[in-house]
Amino acid sequence: AEAGLAFEDLTEPLLLPEDAAVPPGRYAFAGLQLGISPGDASLLRTSANVGAGGFYDGWQASLSLSPVWNLSRYLELSGRYEFNHVRFPDRDQQFEVHLARLRAQVALNTHVSTSVFLQYNSAADLVVANVRFRYNFREGNDLWIVYNEALNTDRRRAAPVLPFTDNRAVLLKYTYTFAL
């Protein structure tokens, strides 16, 4: 169990999904979160969290599940699903946010590894992909090739119609550590 207290001063409106907005002002809100998480020893394990509490001048409730599957010492698959329901009764506003994440980590050996990360965010109407390849020549010398892409899932939410690809990048990074 975890309890928290947050304070926030908004100088301008906070715009949220579904045309919800929090007006400027000083806010204090508290919340409680309960979680369960098994040990790391099992090949398949799932963590779960539930939470509820204040959110500016409203309230929120959340639920998350995070399964992890270690198929071998070279391959791990994991995911996370998070649901948030936020309500502002005085303004009759509410919204829901769904986040879904998938991750695969592959290590062929101590020198070569790859990770793939996918995320869907219903509030932003985006699917984001991140793929990282790492080659370790020797301790302190690494080559990284990274591919990032974001895709609009609701292209008609703005005018003019949004492009299918929100952004795309390929990055190359080399690190070399030397002693003086």
N, C-alpha and C. Protein backbone atom coordinates (compact mmCIF):
# COMPACT_ATOMS: atom_id res chain seq x y z
N ALA A 1 0.85 -1.18 0.00
CA ALA A 1 0.00 0.00 0.00
C ALA A 1 0.89 1.23 0.00
N GLU A 2 0.45 2.24 -0.71
CA GLU A 2 1.18 3.49 -0.80
C GLU A 2 0.17 4.63 -0.83
N ALA A 3 0.40 5.61 0.03
CA ALA A 3 -0.46 6.79 0.05
C ALA A 3 0.37 7.98 -0.39
N GLY A 4 -0.28 8.94 -1.00
CA GLY A 4 0.45 10.11 -1.47
C GLY A 4 -0.39 11.37 -1.36
N LEU A 5 0.30 12.48 -1.24
CA LEU A 5 -0.33 13.78 -1.19
C LEU A 5 0.39 14.66 -2.21
N ALA A 6 -0.38 15.33 -3.06
CA ALA A 6 0.22 16.17 -4.11
C ALA A 6 -0.36 17.58 -4.04
N PHE A 7 0.46 18.54 -4.39
CA PHE A 7 0.06 19.94 -4.45
C PHE A 7 0.43 20.47 -5.82
N GLU A 8 -0.42 21.30 -6.38
CA GLU A 8 -0.13 21.86 -7.70
C GLU A 8 -0.78 23.23 -7.82
N ASP A 9 -0.02 24.16 -8.35
CA ASP A 9 -0.53 25.49 -8.68
C ASP A 9 -0.58 25.59 -10.20
N LEU A 10 -1.77 25.70 -10.75
CA LEU A 10 -1.93 25.86 -12.19
C LEU A 10 -2.11 27.34 -12.51
N THR A 11 -1.28 27.85 -13.38
CA THR A 11 -1.40 29.25 -13.79
C THR A 11 -2.25 29.42 -15.03
N GLU A 12 -2.46 28.31 -15.75
CA GLU A 12 -3.35 28.33 -16.91
C GLU A 12 -4.11 27.00 -16.94
N PRO A 13 -5.19 26.92 -17.68
CA PRO A 13 -5.99 25.69 -17.69
C PRO A 13 -5.17 24.48 -18.13
N LEU A 14 -5.43 23.34 -17.50
CA LEU A 14 -4.82 22.08 -17.87
C LEU A 14 -5.80 21.35 -18.79
N LEU A 15 -5.42 21.20 -20.06
CA LEU A 15 -6.29 20.57 -21.05
C LEU A 15 -6.09 19.06 -21.01
N LEU A 16 -7.21 18.32 -20.95
CA LEU A 16 -7.20 16.88 -20.80
C LEU A 16 -8.02 16.25 -21.92
N PRO A 17 -7.98 14.92 -22.06
CA PRO A 17 -8.78 14.26 -23.11
C PRO A 17 -10.28 14.51 -22.95
N GLU A 18 -10.99 14.24 -24.02
CA GLU A 18 -12.46 14.36 -24.06
C GLU A 18 -12.94 15.77 -23.73
N ASP A 19 -12.15 16.78 -24.08
CA ASP A 19 -12.48 18.19 -23.84
C ASP A 19 -12.63 18.53 -22.37
N ALA A 20 -12.08 17.72 -21.48
CA ALA A 20 -12.06 18.05 -20.05
C ALA A 20 -10.91 19.03 -19.81
N ALA A 21 -11.09 19.90 -18.83
CA ALA A 21 -10.06 20.87 -18.49
C ALA A 21 -10.14 21.20 -17.01
N VAL A 22 -8.99 21.45 -16.42
CA VAL A 22 -8.92 21.88 -15.02
C VAL A 22 -8.62 23.37 -15.02
N PRO A 23 -9.46 24.19 -14.35
CA PRO A 23 -9.21 25.63 -14.35
C PRO A 23 -7.98 25.98 -13.51
N PRO A 24 -7.39 27.15 -13.78
CA PRO A 24 -6.24 27.59 -12.98
C PRO A 24 -6.63 27.68 -11.50
N GLY A 25 -5.63 27.45 -10.65
CA GLY A 25 -5.87 27.55 -9.21
C GLY A 25 -4.88 26.70 -8.44
N ARG A 26 -5.05 26.68 -7.13
CA ARG A 26 -4.20 25.89 -6.23
C ARG A 26 -4.96 24.63 -5.85
N TYR A 27 -4.29 23.49 -5.98
CA TYR A 27 -4.93 22.21 -5.74
C TYR A 27 -4.09 21.36 -4.79
N ALA A 28 -4.78 20.63 -3.95
CA ALA A 28 -4.17 19.61 -3.09
C ALA A 28 -5.03 18.37 -3.21
N PHE A 29 -4.40 17.23 -3.46
CA PHE A 29 -5.18 16.00 -3.57
C PHE A 29 -4.37 14.83 -3.05
N ALA A 30 -5.09 13.84 -2.53
CA ALA A 30 -4.46 12.66 -1.94
C ALA A 30 -4.96 11.42 -2.65
N GLY A 31 -4.17 10.36 -2.56
CA GLY A 31 -4.56 9.11 -3.18
C GLY A 31 -3.95 7.92 -2.47
N LEU A 32 -4.48 6.76 -2.75
CA LEU A 32 -4.02 5.51 -2.16
C LEU A 32 -3.85 4.49 -3.28
N GLN A 33 -2.74 3.74 -3.24
CA GLN A 33 -2.49 2.73 -4.25
C GLN A 33 -2.09 1.43 -3.56
N LEU A 34 -2.68 0.33 -4.00
CA LEU A 34 -2.38 -1.00 -3.48
C LEU A 34 -1.82 -1.83 -4.61
N GLY A 35 -0.78 -2.61 -4.31
CA GLY A 35 -0.18 -3.42 -5.35
C GLY A 35 0.26 -4.77 -4.85
N ILE A 36 0.35 -5.70 -5.77
CA ILE A 36 0.87 -7.03 -5.47
C ILE A 36 1.86 -7.38 -6.56
N SER A 37 3.00 -7.95 -6.14
CA SER A 37 4.04 -8.28 -7.10
C SER A 37 4.75 -9.54 -6.63
N PRO A 38 4.77 -10.59 -7.46
CA PRO A 38 5.47 -11.81 -7.07
C PRO A 38 6.98 -11.63 -7.19
N GLY A 39 7.74 -12.54 -6.66
CA GLY A 39 9.20 -12.49 -6.76
C GLY A 39 9.67 -12.67 -8.20
N ASP A 40 10.92 -12.35 -8.44
CA ASP A 40 11.48 -12.43 -9.78
C ASP A 40 11.89 -13.85 -10.18
N ALA A 41 11.72 -14.82 -9.30
CA ALA A 41 12.21 -16.17 -9.57
C ALA A 41 11.36 -16.93 -10.59
N SER A 42 10.06 -16.64 -10.69
CA SER A 42 9.23 -17.41 -11.60
C SER A 42 9.41 -16.98 -13.05
N LEU A 43 9.20 -17.94 -13.95
CA LEU A 43 9.32 -17.66 -15.37
C LEU A 43 8.19 -16.78 -15.89
N LEU A 44 7.00 -16.93 -15.31
CA LEU A 44 5.84 -16.13 -15.68
C LEU A 44 5.28 -15.51 -14.41
N ARG A 45 5.21 -14.19 -14.38
CA ARG A 45 4.72 -13.50 -13.19
C ARG A 45 3.94 -12.27 -13.62
N THR A 46 3.02 -11.84 -12.77
CA THR A 46 2.20 -10.67 -13.06
C THR A 46 2.08 -9.81 -11.82
N SER A 47 2.33 -8.53 -11.99
CA SER A 47 2.11 -7.54 -10.94
C SER A 47 0.78 -6.87 -11.21
N ALA A 48 0.09 -6.46 -10.14
CA ALA A 48 -1.18 -5.77 -10.29
C ALA A 48 -1.24 -4.61 -9.31
N ASN A 49 -1.83 -3.50 -9.74
CA ASN A 49 -2.00 -2.32 -8.89
C ASN A 49 -3.40 -1.76 -9.09
N VAL A 50 -4.00 -1.27 -8.01
CA VAL A 50 -5.24 -0.52 -8.07
C VAL A 50 -5.03 0.75 -7.25
N GLY A 51 -5.65 1.82 -7.69
CA GLY A 51 -5.49 3.08 -6.97
C GLY A 51 -6.72 3.94 -7.12
N ALA A 52 -6.88 4.85 -6.18
CA ALA A 52 -7.98 5.80 -6.22
C ALA A 52 -7.59 7.01 -5.40
N GLY A 53 -8.20 8.14 -5.73
CA GLY A 53 -7.94 9.34 -4.95
C GLY A 53 -8.31 10.59 -5.71
N GLY A 54 -7.98 11.71 -5.10
CA GLY A 54 -8.27 13.00 -5.70
C GLY A 54 -7.41 13.26 -6.91
N PHE A 55 -7.93 14.08 -7.80
CA PHE A 55 -7.20 14.50 -9.00
C PHE A 55 -7.66 15.93 -9.28
N TYR A 56 -6.87 16.90 -8.88
CA TYR A 56 -7.23 18.31 -8.94
C TYR A 56 -8.56 18.50 -8.22
N ASP A 57 -9.61 18.98 -8.89
CA ASP A 57 -10.89 19.17 -8.20
C ASP A 57 -11.85 18.02 -8.49
N GLY A 58 -11.31 16.87 -8.88
CA GLY A 58 -12.11 15.69 -9.15
C GLY A 58 -11.48 14.48 -8.49
N TRP A 59 -11.67 13.33 -9.08
CA TRP A 59 -11.08 12.09 -8.56
C TRP A 59 -10.70 11.18 -9.71
N GLN A 60 -9.85 10.20 -9.41
CA GLN A 60 -9.46 9.22 -10.41
C GLN A 60 -9.38 7.84 -9.78
N ALA A 61 -9.59 6.84 -10.60
CA ALA A 61 -9.41 5.44 -10.22
C ALA A 61 -8.56 4.79 -11.29
N SER A 62 -7.66 3.90 -10.88
CA SER A 62 -6.76 3.29 -11.85
C SER A 62 -6.55 1.81 -11.55
N LEU A 63 -6.21 1.08 -12.59
CA LEU A 63 -5.92 -0.34 -12.50
C LEU A 63 -4.80 -0.63 -13.48
N SER A 64 -3.83 -1.43 -13.06
CA SER A 64 -2.78 -1.84 -14.00
C SER A 64 -2.38 -3.28 -13.75
N LEU A 65 -2.03 -3.96 -14.83
CA LEU A 65 -1.52 -5.33 -14.81
C LEU A 65 -0.23 -5.36 -15.62
N SER A 66 0.79 -6.02 -15.08
CA SER A 66 2.10 -6.05 -15.75
C SER A 66 2.65 -7.47 -15.76
N PRO A 67 2.35 -8.26 -16.79
CA PRO A 67 2.93 -9.60 -16.88
C PRO A 67 4.35 -9.58 -17.45
N VAL A 68 5.18 -10.51 -16.98
CA VAL A 68 6.54 -10.69 -17.48
C VAL A 68 6.74 -12.19 -17.69
N TRP A 69 7.30 -12.53 -18.85
CA TRP A 69 7.54 -13.93 -19.17
C TRP A 69 9.00 -14.07 -19.60
N ASN A 70 9.78 -14.80 -18.80
CA ASN A 70 11.17 -15.10 -19.13
C ASN A 70 11.19 -16.44 -19.85
N LEU A 71 11.27 -16.40 -21.17
CA LEU A 71 11.27 -17.64 -21.95
C LEU A 71 12.61 -18.37 -21.82
N SER A 72 13.68 -17.60 -21.69
CA SER A 72 15.02 -18.16 -21.49
C SER A 72 15.91 -17.03 -20.98
N ARG A 73 17.16 -17.34 -20.76
CA ARG A 73 18.07 -16.28 -20.30
C ARG A 73 18.36 -15.28 -21.42
N TYR A 74 17.95 -15.61 -22.65
CA TYR A 74 18.18 -14.75 -23.79
C TYR A 74 16.95 -13.94 -24.21
N LEU A 75 15.77 -14.31 -23.74
CA LEU A 75 14.55 -13.68 -24.22
C LEU A 75 13.57 -13.42 -23.08
N GLU A 76 13.13 -12.17 -22.98
CA GLU A 76 12.11 -11.78 -22.01
C GLU A 76 11.03 -10.98 -22.71
N LEU A 77 9.77 -11.35 -22.48
CA LEU A 77 8.63 -10.62 -23.01
C LEU A 77 7.87 -10.03 -21.83
N SER A 78 7.46 -8.79 -21.96
CA SER A 78 6.70 -8.16 -20.88
C SER A 78 5.64 -7.25 -21.49
N GLY A 79 4.68 -6.93 -20.67
CA GLY A 79 3.60 -6.05 -21.10
C GLY A 79 3.07 -5.27 -19.92
N ARG A 80 2.23 -4.32 -20.21
CA ARG A 80 1.56 -3.55 -19.16
C ARG A 80 0.28 -2.99 -19.76
N TYR A 81 -0.79 -3.14 -19.01
CA TYR A 81 -2.04 -2.51 -19.38
C TYR A 81 -2.45 -1.63 -18.21
N GLU A 82 -2.79 -0.39 -18.51
CA GLU A 82 -3.19 0.56 -17.46
C GLU A 82 -4.48 1.25 -17.90
N PHE A 83 -5.43 1.29 -16.97
CA PHE A 83 -6.71 1.95 -17.21
C PHE A 83 -6.89 3.03 -16.15
N ASN A 84 -7.22 4.23 -16.58
CA ASN A 84 -7.49 5.35 -15.67
C ASN A 84 -8.85 5.95 -16.01
N HIS A 85 -9.66 6.12 -14.97
CA HIS A 85 -10.96 6.79 -15.12
C HIS A 85 -10.89 8.05 -14.25
N VAL A 86 -11.12 9.21 -14.87
CA VAL A 86 -11.04 10.49 -14.16
C VAL A 86 -12.39 11.19 -14.30
N ARG A 87 -12.86 11.73 -13.19
CA ARG A 87 -14.18 12.39 -13.19
C ARG A 87 -14.09 13.70 -12.40
N PHE A 88 -14.75 14.72 -12.96
CA PHE A 88 -14.89 16.03 -12.32
C PHE A 88 -16.39 16.28 -12.14
N PRO A 89 -16.99 15.83 -11.02
CA PRO A 89 -18.45 15.91 -10.85
C PRO A 89 -19.01 17.32 -10.91
N ASP A 90 -18.30 18.30 -10.37
CA ASP A 90 -18.83 19.67 -10.35
C ASP A 90 -18.98 20.26 -11.75
N ARG A 91 -18.17 19.80 -12.70
CA ARG A 91 -18.23 20.29 -14.08
C ARG A 91 -18.86 19.28 -15.03
N ASP A 92 -19.28 18.14 -14.50
CA ASP A 92 -19.86 17.06 -15.30
C ASP A 92 -18.93 16.70 -16.46
N GLN A 93 -17.63 16.53 -16.14
CA GLN A 93 -16.64 16.13 -17.14
C GLN A 93 -15.98 14.84 -16.66
N GLN A 94 -15.61 14.02 -17.61
CA GLN A 94 -14.90 12.79 -17.30
C GLN A 94 -14.16 12.31 -18.53
N PHE A 95 -13.17 11.46 -18.30
CA PHE A 95 -12.47 10.82 -19.42
C PHE A 95 -11.83 9.54 -18.92
N GLU A 96 -11.49 8.70 -19.89
CA GLU A 96 -10.80 7.45 -19.61
C GLU A 96 -9.57 7.36 -20.49
N VAL A 97 -8.52 6.78 -19.94
CA VAL A 97 -7.27 6.61 -20.68
C VAL A 97 -6.85 5.15 -20.58
N HIS A 98 -6.52 4.58 -21.73
CA HIS A 98 -6.01 3.21 -21.80
C HIS A 98 -4.57 3.30 -22.30
N LEU A 99 -3.65 2.67 -21.59
CA LEU A 99 -2.26 2.55 -22.02
C LEU A 99 -1.94 1.07 -22.12
N ALA A 100 -1.38 0.65 -23.23
CA ALA A 100 -0.96 -0.74 -23.41
C ALA A 100 0.48 -0.72 -23.91
N ARG A 101 1.33 -1.52 -23.26
CA ARG A 101 2.74 -1.57 -23.63
C ARG A 101 3.18 -3.02 -23.80
N LEU A 102 4.00 -3.25 -24.80
CA LEU A 102 4.63 -4.54 -25.03
C LEU A 102 6.13 -4.32 -25.19
N ARG A 103 6.92 -5.21 -24.59
CA ARG A 103 8.37 -5.10 -24.68
C ARG A 103 8.96 -6.49 -24.88
N ALA A 104 9.92 -6.58 -25.78
CA ALA A 104 10.69 -7.82 -25.98
C ALA A 104 12.16 -7.45 -25.86
N GLN A 105 12.88 -8.23 -25.06
CA GLN A 105 14.31 -8.01 -24.91
C GLN A 105 15.02 -9.31 -25.29
N VAL A 106 15.93 -9.19 -26.25
CA VAL A 106 16.65 -10.35 -26.76
C VAL A 106 18.14 -10.08 -26.61
N ALA A 107 18.84 -11.00 -25.95
CA ALA A 107 20.29 -10.90 -25.81
C ALA A 107 20.88 -12.17 -26.42
N LEU A 108 21.49 -12.04 -27.59
CA LEU A 108 22.08 -13.21 -28.24
C LEU A 108 23.30 -13.71 -27.47
N ASN A 109 24.05 -12.75 -26.93
CA ASN A 109 25.21 -13.05 -26.08
C ASN A 109 25.53 -11.77 -25.32
N THR A 110 26.69 -11.70 -24.68
CA THR A 110 27.04 -10.49 -23.91
C THR A 110 27.39 -9.30 -24.79
N HIS A 111 27.52 -9.51 -26.09
CA HIS A 111 27.90 -8.42 -27.00
C HIS A 111 26.76 -7.89 -27.85
N VAL A 112 25.75 -8.69 -28.13
CA VAL A 112 24.68 -8.31 -29.05
C VAL A 112 23.32 -8.43 -28.35
N SER A 113 22.57 -7.31 -28.37
CA SER A 113 21.23 -7.34 -27.78
C SER A 113 20.31 -6.42 -28.57
N THR A 114 19.03 -6.71 -28.46
CA THR A 114 17.99 -5.93 -29.13
C THR A 114 16.81 -5.81 -28.19
N SER A 115 16.16 -4.65 -28.21
CA SER A 115 14.90 -4.51 -27.47
C SER A 115 13.89 -3.83 -28.37
N VAL A 116 12.64 -4.26 -28.24
CA VAL A 116 11.53 -3.71 -29.01
C VAL A 116 10.47 -3.26 -28.02
N PHE A 117 10.00 -2.02 -28.17
CA PHE A 117 9.00 -1.46 -27.27
C PHE A 117 7.87 -0.87 -28.11
N LEU A 118 6.63 -1.28 -27.81
CA LEU A 118 5.43 -0.75 -28.47
C LEU A 118 4.49 -0.21 -27.40
N GLN A 119 3.88 0.94 -27.66
CA GLN A 119 2.93 1.51 -26.71
C GLN A 119 1.75 2.13 -27.44
N TYR A 120 0.55 1.87 -26.90
CA TYR A 120 -0.67 2.51 -27.39
C TYR A 120 -1.19 3.41 -26.28
N ASN A 121 -1.52 4.66 -26.63
CA ASN A 121 -2.05 5.63 -25.67
C ASN A 121 -3.35 6.17 -26.26
N SER A 122 -4.49 5.85 -25.60
CA SER A 122 -5.79 6.28 -26.13
C SER A 122 -5.99 7.78 -25.97
N ALA A 123 -5.36 8.40 -24.98
CA ALA A 123 -5.52 9.85 -24.77
C ALA A 123 -4.85 10.64 -25.90
N ALA A 124 -3.71 10.17 -26.36
CA ALA A 124 -2.99 10.85 -27.43
C ALA A 124 -3.32 10.28 -28.80
N ASP A 125 -4.08 9.19 -28.86
CA ASP A 125 -4.39 8.51 -30.12
C ASP A 125 -3.12 8.18 -30.90
N LEU A 126 -2.15 7.59 -30.17
CA LEU A 126 -0.86 7.27 -30.78
C LEU A 126 -0.44 5.84 -30.47
N VAL A 127 0.24 5.23 -31.44
CA VAL A 127 1.00 4.01 -31.22
C VAL A 127 2.46 4.39 -31.44
N VAL A 128 3.30 4.08 -30.48
CA VAL A 128 4.71 4.44 -30.54
C VAL A 128 5.54 3.16 -30.57
N ALA A 129 6.54 3.13 -31.45
CA ALA A 129 7.46 1.99 -31.54
C ALA A 129 8.88 2.47 -31.34
N ASN A 130 9.65 1.67 -30.60
CA ASN A 130 11.06 1.96 -30.37
C ASN A 130 11.81 0.64 -30.48
N VAL A 131 12.78 0.58 -31.38
CA VAL A 131 13.60 -0.62 -31.56
C VAL A 131 15.05 -0.20 -31.37
N ARG A 132 15.75 -0.91 -30.45
CA ARG A 132 17.16 -0.58 -30.18
C ARG A 132 18.03 -1.81 -30.37
N PHE A 133 19.07 -1.64 -31.16
CA PHE A 133 20.07 -2.68 -31.36
C PHE A 133 21.37 -2.19 -30.73
N ARG A 134 22.01 -3.05 -29.95
CA ARG A 134 23.26 -2.68 -29.29
C ARG A 134 24.32 -3.72 -29.60
N TYR A 135 25.48 -3.24 -30.05
CA TYR A 135 26.64 -4.11 -30.22
C TYR A 135 27.74 -3.58 -29.33
N ASN A 136 28.22 -4.44 -28.43
CA ASN A 136 29.28 -4.08 -27.49
C ASN A 136 30.59 -4.69 -27.99
N PHE A 137 31.47 -3.83 -28.51
CA PHE A 137 32.76 -4.31 -29.03
C PHE A 137 33.61 -4.88 -27.90
N ARG A 138 33.67 -4.11 -26.81
CA ARG A 138 34.36 -4.50 -25.57
C ARG A 138 33.89 -3.53 -24.51
N GLU A 139 34.23 -3.77 -23.29
CA GLU A 139 33.78 -2.92 -22.18
C GLU A 139 34.06 -1.44 -22.47
N GLY A 140 33.00 -0.62 -22.46
CA GLY A 140 33.13 0.81 -22.70
C GLY A 140 33.00 1.24 -24.15
N ASN A 141 32.85 0.30 -25.07
CA ASN A 141 32.71 0.61 -26.50
C ASN A 141 31.42 -0.02 -27.02
N ASP A 142 30.43 0.83 -27.31
CA ASP A 142 29.13 0.35 -27.74
C ASP A 142 28.67 1.08 -29.00
N LEU A 143 27.99 0.35 -29.87
CA LEU A 143 27.34 0.92 -31.03
C LEU A 143 25.84 0.68 -30.84
N TRP A 144 25.06 1.76 -30.97
CA TRP A 144 23.60 1.70 -30.84
C TRP A 144 22.97 2.14 -32.15
N ILE A 145 21.98 1.39 -32.61
CA ILE A 145 21.14 1.80 -33.72
C ILE A 145 19.72 1.80 -33.17
N VAL A 146 19.06 2.96 -33.25
CA VAL A 146 17.73 3.13 -32.64
C VAL A 146 16.76 3.59 -33.71
N TYR A 147 15.59 2.97 -33.73
CA TYR A 147 14.52 3.36 -34.66
C TYR A 147 13.30 3.72 -33.82
N ASN A 148 12.75 4.93 -34.01
CA ASN A 148 11.55 5.40 -33.33
C ASN A 148 10.50 5.79 -34.36
N GLU A 149 9.24 5.46 -34.06
CA GLU A 149 8.16 5.89 -34.93
C GLU A 149 6.89 6.03 -34.10
N ALA A 150 6.09 7.05 -34.42
CA ALA A 150 4.79 7.26 -33.79
C ALA A 150 3.74 7.32 -34.88
N LEU A 151 2.64 6.59 -34.66
CA LEU A 151 1.58 6.50 -35.65
C LEU A 151 0.28 7.05 -35.06
N ASN A 152 -0.40 7.90 -35.81
CA ASN A 152 -1.70 8.45 -35.39
C ASN A 152 -2.77 7.39 -35.59
N THR A 153 -3.54 7.10 -34.53
CA THR A 153 -4.62 6.12 -34.65
C THR A 153 -5.96 6.78 -34.95
N ASP A 154 -6.07 8.08 -34.72
CA ASP A 154 -7.28 8.83 -35.07
C ASP A 154 -6.83 10.06 -35.87
N ARG A 155 -6.65 9.88 -37.16
CA ARG A 155 -6.11 10.94 -38.01
C ARG A 155 -7.09 12.08 -38.20
N ARG A 156 -8.39 11.86 -37.98
CA ARG A 156 -9.40 12.89 -38.22
C ARG A 156 -9.71 13.72 -36.97
N ARG A 157 -8.91 13.59 -35.91
CA ARG A 157 -9.17 14.36 -34.69
C ARG A 157 -8.77 15.83 -34.82
N ALA A 158 -8.11 16.19 -35.90
CA ALA A 158 -7.70 17.57 -36.12
C ALA A 158 -7.90 17.91 -37.60
N ALA A 159 -7.98 19.19 -37.86
CA ALA A 159 -8.08 19.63 -39.25
C ALA A 159 -6.86 20.48 -39.55
N PRO A 160 -6.18 20.25 -40.65
CA PRO A 160 -6.43 19.21 -41.65
C PRO A 160 -6.14 17.82 -41.06
N VAL A 161 -6.55 16.79 -41.78
CA VAL A 161 -6.36 15.41 -41.34
C VAL A 161 -4.88 15.16 -41.08
N LEU A 162 -4.59 14.52 -39.95
CA LEU A 162 -3.20 14.26 -39.56
C LEU A 162 -2.57 13.19 -40.45
N PRO A 163 -1.25 13.23 -40.62
CA PRO A 163 -0.59 12.16 -41.37
C PRO A 163 -0.61 10.86 -40.57
N PHE A 164 -0.46 9.75 -41.25
CA PHE A 164 -0.44 8.46 -40.58
C PHE A 164 0.77 8.38 -39.64
N THR A 165 1.93 8.81 -40.11
CA THR A 165 3.14 8.81 -39.28
C THR A 165 3.30 10.17 -38.63
N ASP A 166 3.35 10.17 -37.31
CA ASP A 166 3.50 11.42 -36.57
C ASP A 166 4.95 11.87 -36.55
N ASN A 167 5.87 10.94 -36.33
CA ASN A 167 7.30 11.22 -36.45
C ASN A 167 8.05 9.92 -36.62
N ARG A 168 9.23 10.04 -37.18
CA ARG A 168 10.07 8.87 -37.43
C ARG A 168 11.52 9.32 -37.30
N ALA A 169 12.34 8.48 -36.66
CA ALA A 169 13.75 8.82 -36.51
C ALA A 169 14.59 7.54 -36.47
N VAL A 170 15.76 7.62 -37.09
CA VAL A 170 16.76 6.57 -36.99
C VAL A 170 18.00 7.24 -36.41
N LEU A 171 18.48 6.70 -35.31
CA LEU A 171 19.62 7.29 -34.61
C LEU A 171 20.77 6.30 -34.58
N LEU A 172 21.96 6.83 -34.68
CA LEU A 172 23.18 6.03 -34.60
C LEU A 172 24.04 6.65 -33.52
N LYS A 173 24.49 5.83 -32.57
CA LYS A 173 25.30 6.34 -31.45
C LYS A 173 26.45 5.38 -31.21
N TYR A 174 27.63 5.95 -31.06
CA TYR A 174 28.81 5.16 -30.73
C TYR A 174 29.43 5.75 -29.48
N THR A 175 29.70 4.90 -28.51
CA THR A 175 30.37 5.39 -27.29
C THR A 175 31.72 4.72 -27.17
N TYR A 176 32.69 5.52 -26.77
CA TYR A 176 34.04 5.03 -26.55
C TYR A 176 34.54 5.61 -25.24
N THR A 177 34.90 4.76 -24.33
CA THR A 177 35.39 5.21 -23.03
C THR A 177 36.91 5.03 -23.01
N PHE A 178 37.60 6.07 -22.60
CA PHE A 178 39.04 5.98 -22.52
C PHE A 178 39.50 6.53 -21.18
N ALA A 179 40.63 6.01 -20.71
CA ALA A 179 41.20 6.43 -19.42
C ALA A 179 42.33 7.41 -19.68
N LEU A 180 42.42 8.40 -18.81
CA LEU A 180 43.50 9.39 -18.92
C LEU A 180 44.64 9.06 -18.01
